[in-house]
Amino acid sequence: MSKKQPSVISYRIVWSREEALEHIKKESGKHFDPEVVKVFLQEIV
């Protein structure tokens, strides 16, 4: 029985909180539901 090699996973650079929030705002109405974004931002920010 041979040993399995661990998977190699490449990760992206982590976004700051501000970058993530700006991305969510920018994509509101395109990728994200505007009402969900509105509630999310009210609860998170």
C-alpha atoms as a PDB file:
ATOM      1  CA  MET A   1       0.000   0.000   0.000  1.00  0.00           C
ATOM      2  CA  SER A   2       1.522   3.323  -1.029  1.00  0.00           C
ATOM      3  CA  LYS A   3       1.304   6.532   0.959  1.00  0.00           C
ATOM      4  CA  LYS A   4      -0.978   9.190  -0.442  1.00  0.00           C
ATOM      5  CA  GLN A   5       0.632  12.540  -1.079  1.00  0.00           C
ATOM      6  CA  PRO A   6      -1.169  15.561   0.392  1.00  0.00           C
ATOM      7  CA  SER A   7      -3.046  17.750  -2.073  1.00  0.00           C
ATOM      8  CA  VAL A   8      -1.369  20.951  -3.137  1.00  0.00           C
ATOM      9  CA  ILE A   9      -3.808  23.808  -2.741  1.00  0.00           C
ATOM     10  CA  SER A  10      -3.022  27.308  -3.903  1.00  0.00           C
ATOM     11  CA  TYR A  11      -4.626  30.079  -1.935  1.00  0.00           C
ATOM     12  CA  ARG A  12      -5.289  33.621  -2.994  1.00  0.00           C
ATOM     13  CA  ILE A  13      -3.947  36.598  -1.102  1.00  0.00           C
ATOM     14  CA  VAL A  14      -6.262  37.447   1.772  1.00  0.00           C
ATOM     15  CA  TRP A  15      -8.281  40.633   1.347  1.00  0.00           C
ATOM     16  CA  SER A  16      -8.521  43.153   4.149  1.00  0.00           C
ATOM     17  CA  ARG A  17     -11.923  43.757   5.715  1.00  0.00           C
ATOM     18  CA  GLU A  18     -12.203  47.049   3.812  1.00  0.00           C
ATOM     19  CA  GLU A  19     -11.345  45.418   0.472  1.00  0.00           C
ATOM     20  CA  ALA A  20     -13.915  42.668   1.037  1.00  0.00           C
ATOM     21  CA  LEU A  21     -16.642  45.162   1.961  1.00  0.00           C
ATOM     22  CA  GLU A  22     -15.857  47.325  -1.082  1.00  0.00           C
ATOM     23  CA  HIS A  23     -16.066  44.257  -3.322  1.00  0.00           C
ATOM     24  CA  ILE A  24     -19.446  43.310  -1.861  1.00  0.00           C
ATOM     25  CA  LYS A  25     -20.753  46.864  -2.355  1.00  0.00           C
ATOM     26  CA  LYS A  26     -19.400  46.992  -5.923  1.00  0.00           C
ATOM     27  CA  GLU A  27     -21.042  43.684  -6.830  1.00  0.00           C
ATOM     28  CA  SER A  28     -24.382  44.556  -5.222  1.00  0.00           C
ATOM     29  CA  GLY A  29     -27.063  44.176  -7.883  1.00  0.00           C
ATOM     30  CA  LYS A  30     -24.699  42.227 -10.129  1.00  0.00           C
ATOM     31  CA  HIS A  31     -23.429  39.213  -8.238  1.00  0.00           C
ATOM     32  CA  PHE A  32     -25.115  39.809  -4.871  1.00  0.00           C
ATOM     33  CA  ASP A  33     -28.757  40.559  -4.095  1.00  0.00           C
ATOM     34  CA  PRO A  34     -28.950  44.275  -3.162  1.00  0.00           C
ATOM     35  CA  GLU A  35     -31.360  43.657  -0.267  1.00  0.00           C
ATOM     36  CA  VAL A  36     -29.091  40.993   1.203  1.00  0.00           C
ATOM     37  CA  VAL A  37     -26.084  43.318   0.851  1.00  0.00           C
ATOM     38  CA  LYS A  38     -27.998  46.122   2.563  1.00  0.00           C
ATOM     39  CA  VAL A  39     -28.874  43.941   5.564  1.00  0.00           C
ATOM     40  CA  PHE A  40     -25.412  42.390   5.657  1.00  0.00           C
ATOM     41  CA  LEU A  41     -23.713  45.789   5.733  1.00  0.00           C
ATOM     42  CA  GLN A  42     -26.085  47.060   8.433  1.00  0.00           C
ATOM     43  CA  GLU A  43     -25.277  44.062  10.631  1.00  0.00           C
ATOM     44  CA  ILE A  44     -21.532  43.876   9.924  1.00  0.00           C
ATOM     45  CA  VAL A  45     -20.525  47.521   9.765  1.00  0.00           C
END
